């Protein structure tokens, strides 16, 4: 199964609030991610704001498109955007640029 990893940067002054928001992700957002094919999805946050996302999906472009078609994703992304640096006007999920996997130990 393809694995996807990406980086974003959370604003230094919003780290605690960002963590709190992810302790209570909306049930409908969790359901939409699952329905769109996002599996084993994890976020890791370093104290300097570096956010590492990881997920597994059969087709990342299709999984992103499925999420983009949901109202819950539009609402979630609008609420999350102020937490991030350097989005250049994009929603957080639009700013995601997957890293190239160069090694995997099975």
C-alpha atoms as a PDB file:
ATOM      1  CA  UNK A   1       0.000   0.000   0.000  1.00  0.00           C
ATOM      2  CA  UNK A   2       1.394   3.430  -0.896  1.00  0.00           C
ATOM      3  CA  UNK A   3       2.566   5.537   2.032  1.00  0.00           C
ATOM      4  CA  UNK A   4       2.413   9.338   2.060  1.00  0.00           C
ATOM      5  CA  UNK A   5       4.426  11.666   4.292  1.00  0.00           C
ATOM      6  CA  UNK A   6       4.209  15.452   4.315  1.00  0.00           C
ATOM      7  CA  UNK A   7       5.413  18.470   6.299  1.00  0.00           C
ATOM      8  CA  UNK A   8       3.683  21.663   7.388  1.00  0.00           C
ATOM      9  CA  UNK A   9       4.651  24.336   9.909  1.00  0.00           C
ATOM     10  CA  UNK A  10       2.369  25.276  12.813  1.00  0.00           C
ATOM     11  CA  UNK A  11       2.716  28.825  14.142  1.00  0.00           C
ATOM     12  CA  UNK A  12       4.755  28.927  17.361  1.00  0.00           C
ATOM     13  CA  UNK A  13       2.071  30.772  19.318  1.00  0.00           C
ATOM     14  CA  UNK A  14      -0.657  28.290  18.349  1.00  0.00           C
ATOM     15  CA  UNK A  15       0.969  24.953  19.221  1.00  0.00           C
ATOM     16  CA  UNK A  16      -1.008  24.225  22.385  1.00  0.00           C
ATOM     17  CA  UNK A  17      -4.305  25.142  20.775  1.00  0.00           C
ATOM     18  CA  UNK A  18      -3.470  23.061  17.683  1.00  0.00           C
ATOM     19  CA  UNK A  19      -2.779  20.035  19.895  1.00  0.00           C
ATOM     20  CA  UNK A  20      -6.081  20.591  21.724  1.00  0.00           C
ATOM     21  CA  UNK A  21      -8.026  20.767  18.458  1.00  0.00           C
ATOM     22  CA  UNK A  22      -6.645  17.385  17.473  1.00  0.00           C
ATOM     23  CA  UNK A  23      -7.664  15.804  20.762  1.00  0.00           C
ATOM     24  CA  UNK A  24     -11.262  16.335  19.621  1.00  0.00           C
ATOM     25  CA  UNK A  25     -11.335  15.970  15.836  1.00  0.00           C
ATOM     26  CA  UNK A  26     -14.963  16.109  14.734  1.00  0.00           C
ATOM     27  CA  UNK A  27     -16.486  12.638  14.334  1.00  0.00           C
ATOM     28  CA  UNK A  28     -17.782  13.596  10.877  1.00  0.00           C
ATOM     29  CA  UNK A  29     -14.246  14.612   9.840  1.00  0.00           C
ATOM     30  CA  UNK A  30     -12.851  11.293  11.046  1.00  0.00           C
ATOM     31  CA  UNK A  31     -15.608   9.454   9.158  1.00  0.00           C
ATOM     32  CA  UNK A  32     -14.967  11.449   5.967  1.00  0.00           C
ATOM     33  CA  UNK A  33     -11.233  10.670   6.083  1.00  0.00           C
ATOM     34  CA  UNK A  34     -11.941   6.967   6.491  1.00  0.00           C
ATOM     35  CA  UNK A  35     -14.553   6.972   3.711  1.00  0.00           C
ATOM     36  CA  UNK A  36     -12.098   8.777   1.398  1.00  0.00           C
ATOM     37  CA  UNK A  37      -9.491   6.032   1.903  1.00  0.00           C
ATOM     38  CA  UNK A  38      -7.130   7.692   4.403  1.00  0.00           C
ATOM     39  CA  UNK A  39      -5.785   4.844   6.523  1.00  0.00           C
ATOM     40  CA  UNK A  40      -3.256   4.739   9.336  1.00  0.00           C
ATOM     41  CA  UNK A  41      -3.272   8.558   9.321  1.00  0.00           C
ATOM     42  CA  UNK A  42      -1.037  10.159  11.945  1.00  0.00           C
ATOM     43  CA  UNK A  43       0.199  13.653  12.725  1.00  0.00           C
ATOM     44  CA  UNK A  44       3.404  14.291  14.665  1.00  0.00           C
ATOM     45  CA  UNK A  45       4.223  17.750  16.036  1.00  0.00           C
ATOM     46  CA  UNK A  46       7.657  18.925  17.126  1.00  0.00           C
ATOM     47  CA  UNK A  47       7.991  21.699  19.733  1.00  0.00           C
ATOM     48  CA  UNK A  48       9.238  24.159  17.082  1.00  0.00           C
ATOM     49  CA  UNK A  49       6.029  23.701  15.068  1.00  0.00           C
ATOM     50  CA  UNK A  50       7.221  21.208  12.478  1.00  0.00           C
ATOM     51  CA  UNK A  51       4.235  18.998  11.661  1.00  0.00           C
ATOM     52  CA  UNK A  52       4.798  15.620  10.029  1.00  0.00           C
ATOM     53  CA  UNK A  53       1.805  13.855   8.532  1.00  0.00           C
ATOM     54  CA  UNK A  54       1.738  10.200   7.531  1.00  0.00           C
ATOM     55  CA  UNK A  55      -0.986   8.125   5.909  1.00  0.00           C
ATOM     56  CA  UNK A  56      -1.529   5.087   3.767  1.00  0.00           C
ATOM     57  CA  UNK A  57      -3.959   5.063   0.848  1.00  0.00           C
ATOM     58  CA  UNK A  58      -4.447   3.267  -2.431  1.00  0.00           C
ATOM     59  CA  UNK A  59      -4.479   6.522  -4.424  1.00  0.00           C
ATOM     60  CA  UNK A  60      -3.479   9.772  -2.708  1.00  0.00           C
ATOM     61  CA  UNK A  61      -4.834  12.048  -5.449  1.00  0.00           C
ATOM     62  CA  UNK A  62      -8.194  10.269  -5.316  1.00  0.00           C
ATOM     63  CA  UNK A  63      -8.220  10.396  -1.500  1.00  0.00           C
ATOM     64  CA  UNK A  64      -7.519  14.145  -1.594  1.00  0.00           C
ATOM     65  CA  UNK A  65     -10.226  14.694  -4.220  1.00  0.00           C
ATOM     66  CA  UNK A  66     -12.747  12.728  -2.167  1.00  0.00           C
ATOM     67  CA  UNK A  67     -12.025  14.910   0.853  1.00  0.00           C
ATOM     68  CA  UNK A  68     -12.162  18.101  -1.214  1.00  0.00           C
ATOM     69  CA  UNK A  69     -15.702  17.152  -2.234  1.00  0.00           C
ATOM     70  CA  UNK A  70     -16.963  17.132   1.373  1.00  0.00           C
ATOM     71  CA  UNK A  71     -18.446  20.041   3.274  1.00  0.00           C
ATOM     72  CA  UNK A  72     -16.868  18.895   6.540  1.00  0.00           C
ATOM     73  CA  UNK A  73     -13.395  19.125   5.014  1.00  0.00           C
ATOM     74  CA  UNK A  74     -14.031  22.670   3.776  1.00  0.00           C
ATOM     75  CA  UNK A  75     -15.118  23.706   7.269  1.00  0.00           C
ATOM     76  CA  UNK A  76     -12.176  21.929   8.962  1.00  0.00           C
ATOM     77  CA  UNK A  77      -9.585  23.405   6.580  1.00  0.00           C
ATOM     78  CA  UNK A  78     -10.997  26.912   7.053  1.00  0.00           C
ATOM     79  CA  UNK A  79     -10.685  26.545  10.828  1.00  0.00           C
ATOM     80  CA  UNK A  80      -7.179  25.036  10.648  1.00  0.00           C
ATOM     81  CA  UNK A  81      -5.650  27.514   8.164  1.00  0.00           C
ATOM     82  CA  UNK A  82      -4.818  30.203  10.774  1.00  0.00           C
ATOM     83  CA  UNK A  83      -2.644  27.702  12.664  1.00  0.00           C
ATOM     84  CA  UNK A  84      -0.150  27.321   9.816  1.00  0.00           C
ATOM     85  CA  UNK A  85       2.745  29.343   8.415  1.00  0.00           C
ATOM     86  CA  UNK A  86       3.461  29.796   4.709  1.00  0.00           C
ATOM     87  CA  UNK A  87       0.273  28.512   3.122  1.00  0.00           C
ATOM     88  CA  UNK A  88       0.341  31.320   0.536  1.00  0.00           C
ATOM     89  CA  UNK A  89      -3.448  31.516   0.480  1.00  0.00           C
ATOM     90  CA  UNK A  90      -3.996  27.759   0.119  1.00  0.00           C
ATOM     91  CA  UNK A  91      -5.947  25.602   2.538  1.00  0.00           C
ATOM     92  CA  UNK A  92      -3.703  23.344   4.645  1.00  0.00           C
ATOM     93  CA  UNK A  93      -4.713  20.236   2.705  1.00  0.00           C
ATOM     94  CA  UNK A  94      -3.937  22.017  -0.583  1.00  0.00           C
ATOM     95  CA  UNK A  95      -0.459  22.988   0.665  1.00  0.00           C
ATOM     96  CA  UNK A  96       0.508  19.373   1.355  1.00  0.00           C
ATOM     97  CA  UNK A  97       3.397  18.261  -0.830  1.00  0.00           C
ATOM     98  CA  UNK A  98       4.241  14.594  -0.289  1.00  0.00           C
ATOM     99  CA  UNK A  99       7.856  13.734   0.387  1.00  0.00           C
ATOM    100  CA  UNK A 100       9.592  11.159  -1.786  1.00  0.00           C
ATOM    101  CA  UNK A 101      10.079   7.866   0.016  1.00  0.00           C
ATOM    102  CA  UNK A 102      13.657   6.692  -0.352  1.00  0.00           C
ATOM    103  CA  UNK A 103      13.754   3.783   2.119  1.00  0.00           C
ATOM    104  CA  UNK A 104      11.308   1.478   3.863  1.00  0.00           C
ATOM    105  CA  UNK A 105      12.102  -1.429   6.175  1.00  0.00           C
ATOM    106  CA  UNK A 106       9.326  -3.958   5.895  1.00  0.00           C
END
